[in-house]
Amino acid sequence: MKLSVLIFGISGFVGSYLAQEFYSNDYEVYGSDLFKSEHIHDYVKYVGSDIRDAKRTAEIIKNTRPTYIVNLAAISSVAQSWEIPQKTMEINVVGTLNILEGIRKYSPDSSLLLIGSSEEYAASDTPINEQSLINAASPYGISKVTQEKTGELYYGRYGINVFYVRSFNHTGIGQKDSFVIPSWCRQVVSIKKGYKNSNIMTVGNLHVKRDFSDVRDIARAYRLVLEKGKTNQVYNIGSGKIYELKEILNHIIFLSKTQIQVCVDKNLIRPDEPGSIWCDNRLIKKELGWSNTYSIFDTIHDMYEYYLYAL
């Protein structure tokens, strides 16, 4: 019997990449979201839903009974979570609870992957491993901690196979330009092509250090965790390398071969922003054999070229 996966939140940034990852490995792919993105391929069997709707969510699980379920549906922006904290909890926590209830009632053999975040951890200047202190400092981070605790509850009480990842920063073509690297690529290309009245671009804090991965590597890690990982185990996913954002920006500007003036906008600087977010990825490398195949500079080049032709 062919293996299958159901991806909630398939219309989001990671969704189409994850669908491609599973499809390329001979899975039947189901997808669900509030709307059907134009990036969803024809091979995806799509059904519309809002994971806050418990009845509809359970019905989809009952009708598909997939081998694996991945919950990508989320408010995924820290900044946005401060603006809509109630909705963040509704989607990220109650939505997860609805999926777990659907599995419990109608498809108890389905395994569930819950997507956590480096934002769950306390700030640290050293690489963060799975045993590092949890101290989320935003509605988004708290929602992800709560999501995991809910999964642990259903694993312990009902024996549902739940897997967890805590993903560090990842990017690629298709990510919203409210995120830092696509924002910078878009701004630089707009200046290069003369779409702006000046050569000034606005940025936030350039001196923080971040661990970035390509979304395609992240999607592969999600599949591997479900196929080979341990139930009720957390896996950090990140490159294991950090770069100061100034180095990232300088590389994008270098690609443009354009004179650009950089202006820091204090409104783009998060209060109490961690100086570094750095992934210790030794567990997933050791247990599952995963590692990055793309450097962040490969990814930036692809994104820059995309905007060069898309704008």
Protein backbone atom coordinates (compact mmCIF):
# COMPACT_ATOMS: atom_id res chain seq x y z
CA MET A 1 0.00 0.00 0.00
CA LYS A 2 1.34 3.42 -0.97
CA LEU A 3 2.45 5.69 1.87
CA SER A 4 0.57 8.98 2.20
CA VAL A 5 1.00 12.34 3.88
CA LEU A 6 -1.54 15.01 4.82
CA ILE A 7 -0.11 18.53 5.08
CA PHE A 8 -2.15 21.10 6.96
CA GLY A 9 -1.10 24.64 6.02
CA ILE A 10 0.04 23.53 2.56
CA SER A 11 -0.50 26.98 1.01
CA GLY A 12 2.16 28.55 3.25
CA PHE A 13 5.80 29.10 2.36
CA VAL A 14 7.07 25.63 3.30
CA GLY A 15 3.99 23.74 2.05
CA SER A 16 4.81 23.43 -1.64
CA TYR A 17 8.40 22.44 -0.88
CA LEU A 18 7.28 19.78 1.56
CA ALA A 19 4.69 18.44 -0.88
CA GLN A 20 7.40 18.15 -3.54
CA GLU A 21 9.73 16.41 -1.08
CA PHE A 22 7.17 13.72 -0.26
CA TYR A 23 5.91 13.36 -3.84
CA SER A 24 9.48 12.89 -5.10
CA ASN A 25 9.81 10.04 -2.61
CA ASP A 26 6.71 8.26 -3.95
CA TYR A 27 4.10 9.43 -1.44
CA GLU A 28 0.46 10.16 -2.09
CA VAL A 29 0.09 13.80 -1.03
CA TYR A 30 -2.98 15.42 0.51
CA GLY A 31 -3.06 19.08 1.41
CA SER A 32 -5.37 21.41 3.28
CA ASP A 33 -5.52 25.13 4.00
CA LEU A 34 -7.82 28.14 4.08
CA PHE A 35 -7.18 28.70 0.36
CA LYS A 36 -5.44 26.89 -2.47
CA SER A 37 -2.17 28.57 -3.39
CA GLU A 38 -1.16 28.84 -7.04
CA HIS A 39 2.04 27.03 -6.06
CA ILE A 40 0.22 23.82 -5.17
CA HIS A 41 0.92 21.18 -7.82
CA ASP A 42 -1.72 19.07 -9.53
CA TYR A 43 -0.51 15.91 -7.80
CA VAL A 44 -1.72 17.28 -4.44
CA LYS A 45 -5.21 16.14 -3.46
CA TYR A 46 -6.41 19.39 -1.95
CA VAL A 47 -9.28 20.03 0.46
CA GLY A 48 -10.09 23.38 2.03
CA SER A 49 -10.28 23.81 5.80
CA ASP A 50 -9.57 25.99 8.81
CA ILE A 51 -7.84 23.94 11.53
CA ARG A 52 -9.73 25.99 14.11
CA ASP A 53 -12.80 24.11 12.89
CA ALA A 54 -12.61 20.88 14.90
CA LYS A 55 -15.34 19.06 12.98
CA ARG A 56 -13.92 19.83 9.55
CA THR A 57 -10.37 18.97 10.61
CA ALA A 58 -11.44 15.61 12.02
CA GLU A 59 -13.48 14.90 8.88
CA ILE A 60 -10.44 15.41 6.63
CA ILE A 61 -8.35 13.07 8.78
CA LYS A 62 -11.15 10.49 8.76
CA ASN A 63 -11.48 10.63 4.97
CA THR A 64 -7.76 10.41 4.22
CA ARG A 65 -6.35 8.28 7.07
CA PRO A 66 -2.80 9.16 6.02
CA THR A 67 0.42 7.49 7.10
CA TYR A 68 1.79 10.84 8.21
CA ILE A 69 0.33 14.24 9.08
CA VAL A 70 2.40 17.42 9.15
CA ASN A 71 1.02 20.54 10.79
CA LEU A 72 2.45 23.59 9.00
CA ALA A 73 -0.64 25.69 9.71
CA ALA A 74 0.47 28.51 11.99
CA ILE A 75 0.98 32.16 12.66
CA SER A 76 4.72 31.94 11.99
CA SER A 77 5.90 35.52 12.54
CA VAL A 78 7.06 36.68 15.96
CA ALA A 79 6.14 40.27 15.15
CA GLN A 80 2.68 39.27 13.94
CA SER A 81 2.11 37.18 17.06
CA TRP A 82 2.45 40.33 19.20
CA GLU A 83 -0.22 42.04 17.08
CA ILE A 84 -2.69 39.12 17.20
CA PRO A 85 -1.82 37.03 20.27
CA GLN A 86 -5.30 35.52 20.62
CA LYS A 87 -5.40 34.36 17.00
CA THR A 88 -1.85 33.02 17.35
CA MET A 89 -2.99 30.78 20.20
CA GLU A 90 -6.18 29.75 18.39
CA ILE A 91 -4.33 28.58 15.29
CA ASN A 92 -1.08 27.30 16.76
CA VAL A 93 -2.48 25.63 19.89
CA VAL A 94 -6.21 24.96 19.41
CA GLY A 95 -5.58 23.99 15.78
CA THR A 96 -3.02 21.43 16.91
CA LEU A 97 -5.46 20.11 19.51
CA ASN A 98 -8.09 19.67 16.79
CA ILE A 99 -5.66 17.63 14.69
CA LEU A 100 -4.76 15.45 17.65
CA GLU A 101 -8.43 14.84 18.41
CA GLY A 102 -9.06 13.92 14.78
CA ILE A 103 -6.22 11.40 14.90
CA ARG A 104 -7.43 9.99 18.21
CA LYS A 105 -10.98 9.48 16.97
CA TYR A 106 -10.50 8.40 13.38
CA SER A 107 -6.90 7.54 12.48
CA PRO A 108 -4.89 6.44 15.53
CA ASP A 109 -2.19 4.82 13.38
CA SER A 110 -1.30 8.14 11.72
CA SER A 111 1.94 9.75 12.90
CA LEU A 112 1.99 13.51 13.47
CA LEU A 113 4.88 15.95 13.02
CA LEU A 114 4.60 19.17 15.01
CA ILE A 115 6.74 22.08 13.83
CA GLY A 116 8.38 23.96 16.66
CA SER A 117 10.87 26.81 16.61
CA SER A 118 14.16 28.11 17.95
CA GLU A 119 12.00 30.86 19.47
CA GLU A 120 11.09 28.37 22.21
CA TYR A 121 14.59 28.56 23.67
CA ALA A 122 16.15 31.06 26.05
CA ALA A 123 18.63 33.46 24.47
CA SER A 124 22.15 32.04 24.24
CA ASP A 125 25.48 33.08 22.71
CA THR A 126 26.45 29.44 22.22
CA PRO A 127 24.90 26.71 20.02
CA ILE A 128 21.48 25.60 21.26
CA ASN A 129 20.79 21.88 21.62
CA GLU A 130 17.58 20.03 22.41
CA GLN A 131 18.28 20.14 26.17
CA SER A 132 18.88 23.90 26.26
CA LEU A 133 16.70 26.04 28.51
CA ILE A 134 13.16 26.66 27.26
CA ASN A 135 12.10 30.25 27.91
CA ALA A 136 9.91 31.55 25.07
CA ALA A 137 9.64 35.33 25.03
CA SER A 138 6.81 35.98 22.55
CA PRO A 139 3.24 34.79 21.95
CA TYR A 140 4.59 32.82 18.99
CA GLY A 141 7.27 31.07 21.04
CA ILE A 142 4.86 30.32 23.88
CA SER A 143 2.34 28.88 21.40
CA LYS A 144 4.98 26.48 20.09
CA VAL A 145 5.96 25.35 23.58
CA THR A 146 2.28 24.76 24.37
CA GLN A 147 1.80 22.88 21.10
CA GLU A 148 4.57 20.48 22.07
CA LYS A 149 3.17 19.96 25.58
CA THR A 150 -0.21 19.15 24.04
CA GLY A 151 1.41 16.59 21.76
CA GLU A 152 3.19 15.02 24.74
CA LEU A 153 -0.14 14.77 26.54
CA TYR A 154 -1.76 12.84 23.66
CA TYR A 155 1.31 10.64 23.25
CA GLY A 156 1.24 9.71 26.92
CA ARG A 157 -2.53 9.31 27.30
CA TYR A 158 -3.54 7.85 23.93
CA GLY A 159 -0.31 6.49 22.44
CA ILE A 160 -0.46 8.77 19.39
CA ASN A 161 2.85 8.82 17.52
CA VAL A 162 3.97 12.44 17.73
CA PHE A 163 7.31 13.77 16.47
CA TYR A 164 8.75 17.22 17.11
CA VAL A 165 11.18 19.50 15.34
CA ARG A 166 12.42 22.91 16.40
CA SER A 167 13.37 24.68 13.21
CA PHE A 168 15.81 27.55 13.13
CA ASN A 169 15.63 30.32 10.52
CA HIS A 170 14.99 29.09 6.99
CA THR A 171 14.31 30.90 3.76
CA GLY A 172 13.96 30.49 0.02
CA ILE A 173 12.00 31.58 -3.04
CA GLY A 174 8.38 32.23 -2.10
CA GLN A 175 8.91 33.43 1.45
CA LYS A 176 7.00 36.62 2.26
CA ASP A 177 9.08 39.77 2.06
CA SER A 178 8.09 40.62 5.61
CA PHE A 179 10.99 38.29 6.46
CA VAL A 180 14.50 39.65 6.39
CA ILE A 181 16.28 38.01 3.44
CA PRO A 182 13.44 38.26 0.89
CA SER A 183 12.86 41.85 2.06
CA TRP A 184 16.46 42.74 1.35
CA CYS A 185 16.59 40.92 -1.98
CA ARG A 186 13.44 42.70 -3.12
CA GLN A 187 14.68 46.13 -1.99
CA VAL A 188 18.08 45.71 -3.63
CA VAL A 189 16.59 44.53 -6.93
CA SER A 190 14.05 47.39 -6.87
CA ILE A 191 16.90 49.88 -6.52
CA LYS A 192 18.98 48.18 -9.22
CA LYS A 193 16.08 48.28 -11.68
CA GLY A 194 15.25 51.90 -10.89
CA TYR A 195 11.86 51.23 -9.32
CA LYS A 196 12.67 53.36 -6.26
CA ASN A 197 13.21 57.12 -6.24
CA SER A 198 16.46 56.74 -4.33
CA ASN A 199 19.21 54.24 -3.69
CA ILE A 200 18.32 54.03 0.02
CA MET A 201 17.17 50.77 1.58
CA THR A 202 15.89 50.32 5.14
CA VAL A 203 17.03 47.58 7.50
CA GLY A 204 16.79 46.57 11.15
CA ASN A 205 19.59 45.43 13.45
CA LEU A 206 22.53 44.30 11.29
CA HIS A 207 24.70 43.10 14.16
CA VAL A 208 22.66 40.11 15.33
CA LYS A 209 23.83 36.67 14.21
CA ARG A 210 21.49 34.04 12.81
CA ASP A 211 21.58 30.44 11.62
CA PHE A 212 19.89 30.19 8.21
CA SER A 213 18.97 27.09 6.20
CA ASP A 214 17.46 26.57 2.77
CA VAL A 215 13.77 25.58 2.88
CA ARG A 216 14.51 22.54 0.70
CA ASP A 217 16.87 21.17 3.34
CA ILE A 218 14.25 21.82 6.01
CA ALA A 219 11.60 19.93 4.03
CA ARG A 220 13.93 16.95 3.65
CA ALA A 221 14.57 16.96 7.39
CA TYR A 222 10.84 16.87 8.13
CA ARG A 223 10.42 13.78 5.97
CA LEU A 224 13.41 12.05 7.56
CA VAL A 225 12.14 12.73 11.08
CA LEU A 226 8.83 11.02 10.28
CA GLU A 227 10.47 8.09 8.48
CA LYS A 228 13.44 7.44 10.78
CA GLY A 229 13.07 9.55 13.90
CA LYS A 230 12.06 8.57 17.42
CA THR A 231 8.53 9.15 18.67
CA ASN A 232 8.20 11.88 21.29
CA GLN A 233 11.71 13.12 20.46
CA VAL A 234 12.64 16.72 19.63
CA TYR A 235 15.07 17.37 16.77
CA ASN A 236 16.69 20.74 16.19
CA ILE A 237 17.00 21.62 12.51
CA GLY A 238 19.50 24.23 11.42
CA SER A 239 22.76 24.62 9.53
CA GLY A 240 25.02 24.79 12.58
CA LYS A 241 26.57 28.00 11.19
CA ILE A 242 25.80 31.60 12.07
CA TYR A 243 26.38 34.80 10.14
CA GLU A 244 26.04 38.42 11.18
CA LEU A 245 23.15 39.92 9.24
CA LYS A 246 25.49 42.62 7.95
CA GLU A 247 27.45 39.92 6.09
CA ILE A 248 24.22 38.62 4.54
CA LEU A 249 23.21 42.12 3.42
CA ASN A 250 26.65 42.91 2.00
CA HIS A 251 26.47 39.75 -0.11
CA ILE A 252 23.07 40.72 -1.55
CA ILE A 253 24.36 44.20 -2.39
CA PHE A 254 27.49 42.66 -3.93
CA LEU A 255 25.31 40.55 -6.25
CA SER A 256 23.59 43.71 -7.51
CA LYS A 257 26.82 45.56 -8.38
CA THR A 258 24.91 48.71 -7.43
CA GLN A 259 25.75 51.58 -5.08
CA ILE A 260 23.21 51.34 -2.26
CA GLN A 261 22.88 53.41 0.91
CA VAL A 262 21.75 51.44 3.94
CA CYS A 263 19.53 53.16 6.50
CA VAL A 264 18.68 51.58 9.87
CA ASP A 265 15.00 51.94 10.81
CA LYS A 266 14.56 51.65 14.57
CA ASN A 267 10.98 50.46 14.02
CA LEU A 268 12.39 47.29 12.45
CA ILE A 269 14.44 46.41 15.52
CA ARG A 270 12.75 43.98 17.90
CA PRO A 271 12.96 44.85 21.60
CA ASP A 272 15.27 42.48 23.50
CA GLU A 273 16.26 40.76 20.26
CA PRO A 274 18.72 37.89 20.95
CA GLY A 275 22.27 38.63 19.85
CA SER A 276 22.62 35.19 18.29
CA ILE A 277 20.43 32.20 17.47
CA TRP A 278 22.68 29.26 16.67
CA CYS A 279 21.61 25.66 16.11
CA ASP A 280 23.40 22.65 17.54
CA ASN A 281 22.29 20.08 14.95
CA ARG A 282 24.41 17.13 16.09
CA LEU A 283 21.42 14.98 17.12
CA ILE A 284 19.66 14.97 13.75
CA LYS A 285 22.97 14.52 11.93
CA LYS A 286 23.93 11.57 14.13
CA GLU A 287 20.56 9.79 14.31
CA LEU A 288 19.11 10.51 10.86
CA GLY A 289 22.15 11.34 8.73
CA TRP A 290 20.75 14.74 7.76
CA SER A 291 22.90 17.71 6.81
CA ASN A 292 22.48 20.84 4.74
CA THR A 293 23.06 20.50 1.01
CA TYR A 294 22.67 24.24 0.29
CA SER A 295 24.67 27.06 1.85
CA ILE A 296 22.77 30.21 2.73
CA PHE A 297 24.71 32.01 -0.01
CA ASP A 298 23.42 29.50 -2.60
CA THR A 299 19.90 30.28 -1.40
CA ILE A 300 20.45 34.05 -1.47
CA HIS A 301 21.71 33.82 -5.05
CA ASP A 302 18.57 31.91 -6.10
CA MET A 303 16.30 34.43 -4.34
CA TYR A 304 18.11 37.42 -5.83
CA GLU A 305 17.82 35.95 -9.33
CA TYR A 306 14.13 35.25 -8.75
CA TYR A 307 13.41 38.88 -7.86
CA LEU A 308 15.59 40.08 -10.73
CA TYR A 309 13.25 38.42 -13.21
CA ALA A 310 9.99 38.62 -11.24
CA LEU A 311 9.93 42.36 -10.53
